[in-house]
């Protein structure tokens, strides 16, 4: 009957070089946290900071593109909204948060 029950020769002391399962779990969680921080959270925070600076530095006459792909020139802005001239005489009002990027001067030639 000894083939059903394996003898526990060194049950009290872990084998040389073996890691405690609790320590392995902690190291695994710390490693996962570091991967999450460096590959997900930090780049997103950097993009959010750049976007916040973009919105803070918007000025009349800047050429921008919106999140929906509309290109226009800023003609008026306040704390929450920006008015873009997308063609001569056509003005569209957007929330500032929807401005995706600032374009180089001279991108829009027909306005």
N, C-alpha and C. Protein backbone atom coordinates (compact mmCIF):
# COMPACT_ATOMS: atom_id res chain seq x y z
N UNK A 1 0.81 -1.20 0.00
CA UNK A 1 0.00 0.00 0.00
C UNK A 1 0.85 1.26 0.00
N UNK A 2 2.14 1.13 0.07
CA UNK A 2 2.98 2.31 0.12
C UNK A 2 3.04 3.04 -1.22
N UNK A 3 2.61 2.41 -2.31
CA UNK A 3 2.62 3.10 -3.60
C UNK A 3 1.49 4.12 -3.71
N UNK A 4 0.47 4.12 -2.83
CA UNK A 4 -0.57 5.13 -2.84
C UNK A 4 -0.18 6.37 -2.04
N UNK A 5 0.67 6.20 -1.08
CA UNK A 5 1.07 7.30 -0.22
C UNK A 5 2.57 7.50 -0.39
N UNK A 6 2.96 8.67 -0.91
CA UNK A 6 4.38 8.93 -1.07
C UNK A 6 4.97 9.36 0.26
N UNK A 7 6.14 8.88 0.57
CA UNK A 7 6.74 9.26 1.86
C UNK A 7 7.20 10.71 1.84
N UNK A 8 6.97 11.41 2.91
CA UNK A 8 7.38 12.81 3.05
C UNK A 8 8.70 12.82 3.79
N UNK A 9 9.78 12.78 3.02
CA UNK A 9 11.09 12.67 3.64
C UNK A 9 11.54 13.97 4.28
N UNK A 10 11.30 15.10 3.58
CA UNK A 10 11.75 16.38 4.13
C UNK A 10 10.59 17.36 4.15
N UNK A 11 9.53 17.00 4.79
CA UNK A 11 8.32 17.82 4.80
C UNK A 11 8.50 19.11 5.60
N UNK A 12 9.37 19.11 6.57
CA UNK A 12 9.51 20.28 7.42
C UNK A 12 10.35 21.37 6.77
N UNK A 13 11.37 21.04 6.03
CA UNK A 13 12.28 22.04 5.47
C UNK A 13 12.15 22.04 3.94
N UNK A 14 12.08 23.22 3.33
CA UNK A 14 12.02 23.26 1.87
C UNK A 14 13.35 22.84 1.26
N UNK A 15 13.29 22.33 0.06
CA UNK A 15 14.50 21.89 -0.62
C UNK A 15 15.40 23.09 -0.90
N UNK A 16 16.68 22.83 -1.04
CA UNK A 16 17.64 23.91 -1.29
C UNK A 16 17.31 24.58 -2.61
N UNK A 17 17.16 25.90 -2.60
CA UNK A 17 16.88 26.65 -3.81
C UNK A 17 15.40 26.78 -4.12
N UNK A 18 14.54 26.12 -3.40
CA UNK A 18 13.10 26.22 -3.65
C UNK A 18 12.57 27.53 -3.06
N UNK A 19 11.61 28.13 -3.76
CA UNK A 19 11.07 29.41 -3.31
C UNK A 19 9.73 29.16 -2.63
N UNK A 20 9.49 29.89 -1.59
CA UNK A 20 8.22 29.81 -0.88
C UNK A 20 7.10 30.26 -1.83
N UNK A 21 6.00 29.52 -1.93
CA UNK A 21 4.92 29.90 -2.85
C UNK A 21 4.34 31.29 -2.55
N UNK A 22 4.31 31.68 -1.29
CA UNK A 22 3.82 33.01 -0.94
C UNK A 22 4.73 34.10 -1.48
N UNK A 23 6.03 33.89 -1.40
CA UNK A 23 7.00 34.85 -1.91
C UNK A 23 6.91 34.93 -3.44
N UNK A 24 6.72 33.78 -4.08
CA UNK A 24 6.58 33.77 -5.54
C UNK A 24 5.36 34.59 -5.96
N UNK A 25 4.26 34.44 -5.25
CA UNK A 25 3.04 35.19 -5.57
C UNK A 25 3.25 36.70 -5.40
N UNK A 26 3.96 37.08 -4.36
CA UNK A 26 4.22 38.51 -4.15
C UNK A 26 5.11 39.06 -5.25
N UNK A 27 6.17 38.33 -5.61
CA UNK A 27 7.04 38.77 -6.70
C UNK A 27 6.29 38.83 -8.03
N UNK A 28 5.41 37.88 -8.26
CA UNK A 28 4.61 37.87 -9.48
C UNK A 28 3.71 39.11 -9.54
N UNK A 29 3.06 39.46 -8.45
CA UNK A 29 2.19 40.63 -8.41
C UNK A 29 2.98 41.93 -8.57
N UNK A 30 4.14 42.01 -7.94
CA UNK A 30 4.99 43.20 -8.09
C UNK A 30 5.45 43.34 -9.54
N UNK A 31 5.86 42.23 -10.14
CA UNK A 31 6.27 42.26 -11.55
C UNK A 31 5.14 42.68 -12.46
N UNK A 32 3.97 42.15 -12.22
CA UNK A 32 2.79 42.52 -13.01
C UNK A 32 2.47 44.00 -12.83
N UNK A 33 2.59 44.50 -11.61
CA UNK A 33 2.35 45.92 -11.35
C UNK A 33 3.34 46.81 -12.08
N UNK A 34 4.61 46.42 -12.11
CA UNK A 34 5.62 47.19 -12.82
C UNK A 34 5.35 47.19 -14.33
N UNK A 35 4.99 46.06 -14.87
CA UNK A 35 4.66 45.99 -16.30
C UNK A 35 3.46 46.89 -16.60
N UNK A 36 2.44 46.82 -15.78
CA UNK A 36 1.26 47.66 -15.96
C UNK A 36 1.65 49.13 -15.91
N UNK A 37 2.49 49.52 -14.95
CA UNK A 37 2.88 50.92 -14.80
C UNK A 37 3.67 51.41 -16.01
N UNK A 38 4.70 50.67 -16.42
CA UNK A 38 5.58 51.15 -17.49
C UNK A 38 4.99 51.04 -18.88
N UNK A 39 4.11 50.09 -19.11
CA UNK A 39 3.57 49.91 -20.46
C UNK A 39 2.18 50.50 -20.67
N UNK A 40 1.45 50.80 -19.61
CA UNK A 40 0.09 51.30 -19.78
C UNK A 40 -0.12 52.64 -19.10
N UNK A 41 0.09 52.72 -17.81
CA UNK A 41 -0.29 53.91 -17.07
C UNK A 41 0.61 55.10 -17.39
N UNK A 42 1.92 54.92 -17.39
CA UNK A 42 2.84 56.03 -17.62
C UNK A 42 2.71 56.64 -19.01
N UNK A 43 2.64 55.86 -20.09
CA UNK A 43 2.45 56.48 -21.41
C UNK A 43 1.13 57.23 -21.54
N UNK A 44 0.07 56.69 -20.94
CA UNK A 44 -1.23 57.36 -21.01
C UNK A 44 -1.19 58.67 -20.24
N UNK A 45 -0.54 58.69 -19.10
CA UNK A 45 -0.42 59.92 -18.32
C UNK A 45 0.39 60.96 -19.09
N UNK A 46 1.41 60.52 -19.81
CA UNK A 46 2.22 61.44 -20.61
C UNK A 46 1.38 62.04 -21.74
N UNK A 47 0.58 61.21 -22.42
CA UNK A 47 -0.29 61.73 -23.49
C UNK A 47 -1.32 62.69 -22.94
N UNK A 48 -1.89 62.38 -21.78
CA UNK A 48 -2.88 63.27 -21.17
C UNK A 48 -2.26 64.62 -20.81
N UNK A 49 -1.03 64.61 -20.31
CA UNK A 49 -0.35 65.84 -19.97
C UNK A 49 -0.07 66.68 -21.22
N UNK A 50 0.36 66.04 -22.30
CA UNK A 50 0.61 66.75 -23.56
C UNK A 50 -0.67 67.35 -24.12
N UNK A 51 -1.79 66.62 -24.03
CA UNK A 51 -3.07 67.12 -24.53
C UNK A 51 -3.54 68.31 -23.70
N UNK A 52 -3.34 68.22 -22.39
CA UNK A 52 -3.72 69.33 -21.51
C UNK A 52 -2.91 70.58 -21.85
N UNK A 53 -1.62 70.43 -22.12
CA UNK A 53 -0.79 71.56 -22.52
C UNK A 53 -1.23 72.12 -23.87
N UNK A 54 -1.60 71.24 -24.80
CA UNK A 54 -2.10 71.68 -26.11
C UNK A 54 -3.34 72.56 -25.94
N UNK A 55 -4.28 72.12 -25.13
CA UNK A 55 -5.51 72.88 -24.93
C UNK A 55 -5.24 74.19 -24.20
N UNK A 56 -4.30 74.19 -23.28
CA UNK A 56 -3.99 75.42 -22.54
C UNK A 56 -3.31 76.46 -23.44
N UNK A 57 -2.59 76.01 -24.46
CA UNK A 57 -1.84 76.92 -25.31
C UNK A 57 -2.55 77.27 -26.62
N UNK A 58 -3.81 76.87 -26.77
CA UNK A 58 -4.55 77.24 -27.98
C UNK A 58 -4.74 78.75 -28.04
N UNK A 59 -4.61 79.29 -29.23
CA UNK A 59 -4.79 80.73 -29.40
C UNK A 59 -5.51 80.99 -30.72
N UNK A 60 -6.05 82.18 -30.84
CA UNK A 60 -6.74 82.58 -32.06
C UNK A 60 -5.75 82.52 -33.22
N UNK A 61 -6.19 81.93 -34.34
CA UNK A 61 -5.34 81.80 -35.51
C UNK A 61 -4.63 80.47 -35.65
N UNK A 62 -4.65 79.64 -34.59
CA UNK A 62 -4.04 78.32 -34.67
C UNK A 62 -4.85 77.42 -35.61
N UNK A 63 -4.17 76.57 -36.33
CA UNK A 63 -4.82 75.60 -37.20
C UNK A 63 -4.79 74.25 -36.48
N UNK A 64 -5.98 73.65 -36.34
CA UNK A 64 -6.11 72.43 -35.55
C UNK A 64 -6.91 71.38 -36.30
N UNK A 65 -6.82 70.15 -35.80
CA UNK A 65 -7.66 69.06 -36.28
C UNK A 65 -8.41 68.51 -35.08
N UNK A 66 -9.69 68.18 -35.27
CA UNK A 66 -10.50 67.67 -34.18
C UNK A 66 -10.41 66.15 -34.13
N UNK A 67 -10.97 65.57 -33.08
CA UNK A 67 -10.99 64.12 -32.95
C UNK A 67 -11.80 63.48 -34.07
N UNK A 68 -12.73 64.20 -34.65
CA UNK A 68 -13.53 63.68 -35.75
C UNK A 68 -12.89 63.88 -37.11
N UNK A 69 -11.72 64.54 -37.15
CA UNK A 69 -11.00 64.71 -38.40
C UNK A 69 -11.28 66.01 -39.12
N UNK A 70 -12.00 66.92 -38.49
CA UNK A 70 -12.30 68.21 -39.11
C UNK A 70 -11.14 69.17 -38.89
N UNK A 71 -10.67 69.77 -39.97
CA UNK A 71 -9.56 70.71 -39.90
C UNK A 71 -10.11 72.13 -39.98
N UNK A 72 -9.62 73.00 -39.11
CA UNK A 72 -10.09 74.38 -39.13
C UNK A 72 -9.13 75.31 -38.42
N UNK A 73 -9.45 76.59 -38.53
CA UNK A 73 -8.64 77.64 -37.90
C UNK A 73 -9.44 78.20 -36.72
N UNK A 74 -8.78 78.34 -35.58
CA UNK A 74 -9.43 78.86 -34.38
C UNK A 74 -9.72 80.34 -34.59
N UNK A 75 -11.01 80.71 -34.43
CA UNK A 75 -11.36 82.12 -34.54
C UNK A 75 -11.82 82.71 -33.21
N UNK A 76 -12.40 81.87 -32.35
CA UNK A 76 -12.79 82.30 -31.00
C UNK A 76 -12.62 81.11 -30.06
N UNK A 77 -12.32 81.41 -28.81
CA UNK A 77 -12.28 80.35 -27.82
C UNK A 77 -12.54 80.92 -26.44
N UNK A 78 -13.09 80.06 -25.59
CA UNK A 78 -13.25 80.42 -24.18
C UNK A 78 -12.80 79.22 -23.35
N UNK A 79 -13.20 79.14 -22.09
CA UNK A 79 -12.71 78.08 -21.22
C UNK A 79 -13.09 76.68 -21.69
N UNK A 80 -14.30 76.51 -22.23
CA UNK A 80 -14.78 75.17 -22.56
C UNK A 80 -14.94 74.92 -24.06
N UNK A 81 -15.12 75.96 -24.85
CA UNK A 81 -15.44 75.79 -26.26
C UNK A 81 -14.46 76.52 -27.16
N UNK A 82 -14.37 76.02 -28.39
CA UNK A 82 -13.54 76.65 -29.41
C UNK A 82 -14.38 76.72 -30.69
N UNK A 83 -14.30 77.84 -31.39
CA UNK A 83 -15.02 78.01 -32.65
C UNK A 83 -13.99 77.94 -33.78
N UNK A 84 -14.22 77.01 -34.70
CA UNK A 84 -13.31 76.81 -35.83
C UNK A 84 -13.96 77.30 -37.11
N UNK A 85 -13.17 77.93 -37.96
CA UNK A 85 -13.61 78.28 -39.29
C UNK A 85 -13.09 77.18 -40.21
N UNK A 86 -14.02 76.37 -40.75
CA UNK A 86 -13.62 75.23 -41.57
C UNK A 86 -13.58 75.57 -43.05
N UNK A 87 -14.33 76.57 -43.45
CA UNK A 87 -14.24 77.13 -44.80
C UNK A 87 -14.70 78.58 -44.68
N UNK A 88 -14.56 79.33 -45.73
CA UNK A 88 -14.88 80.75 -45.66
C UNK A 88 -16.36 80.93 -45.31
N UNK A 89 -16.61 81.55 -44.16
CA UNK A 89 -17.97 81.81 -43.71
C UNK A 89 -18.62 80.67 -42.95
N UNK A 90 -17.96 79.55 -42.80
CA UNK A 90 -18.53 78.40 -42.08
C UNK A 90 -17.79 78.21 -40.76
N UNK A 91 -18.53 78.40 -39.68
CA UNK A 91 -17.95 78.27 -38.34
C UNK A 91 -18.62 77.11 -37.62
N UNK A 92 -17.82 76.32 -36.92
CA UNK A 92 -18.32 75.20 -36.13
C UNK A 92 -17.81 75.35 -34.70
N UNK A 93 -18.69 75.07 -33.74
CA UNK A 93 -18.35 75.20 -32.33
C UNK A 93 -18.09 73.80 -31.77
N UNK A 94 -16.95 73.62 -31.11
CA UNK A 94 -16.57 72.34 -30.52
C UNK A 94 -16.17 72.53 -29.07
N UNK A 95 -16.27 71.45 -28.31
CA UNK A 95 -15.67 71.48 -26.98
C UNK A 95 -14.16 71.41 -27.16
N UNK A 96 -13.44 72.11 -26.30
CA UNK A 96 -11.98 72.14 -26.40
C UNK A 96 -11.37 70.74 -26.33
N UNK A 97 -11.98 69.87 -25.55
CA UNK A 97 -11.42 68.53 -25.36
C UNK A 97 -11.37 67.73 -26.66
N UNK A 98 -12.16 68.13 -27.66
CA UNK A 98 -12.19 67.39 -28.92
C UNK A 98 -11.15 67.86 -29.92
N UNK A 99 -10.34 68.83 -29.56
CA UNK A 99 -9.22 69.23 -30.40
C UNK A 99 -8.13 68.18 -30.22
N UNK A 100 -7.75 67.51 -31.31
CA UNK A 100 -6.80 66.41 -31.21
C UNK A 100 -5.35 66.87 -31.36
N UNK A 101 -5.09 67.79 -32.27
CA UNK A 101 -3.71 68.20 -32.50
C UNK A 101 -3.68 69.58 -33.15
N UNK A 102 -2.55 70.25 -32.98
CA UNK A 102 -2.32 71.53 -33.64
C UNK A 102 -1.51 71.26 -34.90
N UNK A 103 -1.92 71.87 -36.00
CA UNK A 103 -1.25 71.68 -37.28
C UNK A 103 -0.22 72.77 -37.50
N UNK A 104 0.77 72.53 -38.34
CA UNK A 104 1.74 73.57 -38.66
C UNK A 104 1.06 74.74 -39.38
N UNK A 105 1.57 75.94 -39.15
CA UNK A 105 1.01 77.13 -39.79
C UNK A 105 1.09 76.97 -41.32
N UNK A 106 0.03 77.39 -41.98
CA UNK A 106 0.00 77.32 -43.44
C UNK A 106 -0.56 76.04 -43.99
N UNK A 107 -1.03 75.14 -43.12
CA UNK A 107 -1.63 73.90 -43.59
C UNK A 107 -2.92 74.19 -44.35
N UNK A 108 -3.70 75.12 -43.82
CA UNK A 108 -4.95 75.48 -44.46
C UNK A 108 -4.68 76.71 -45.31
N UNK A 109 -4.85 76.58 -46.61
CA UNK A 109 -4.53 77.69 -47.51
C UNK A 109 -5.76 78.44 -47.99
N UNK A 110 -6.93 77.79 -48.00
CA UNK A 110 -8.11 78.42 -48.61
C UNK A 110 -8.88 79.30 -47.64
N UNK A 111 -8.60 79.28 -46.36
CA UNK A 111 -9.37 80.09 -45.40
C UNK A 111 -8.72 81.44 -45.26
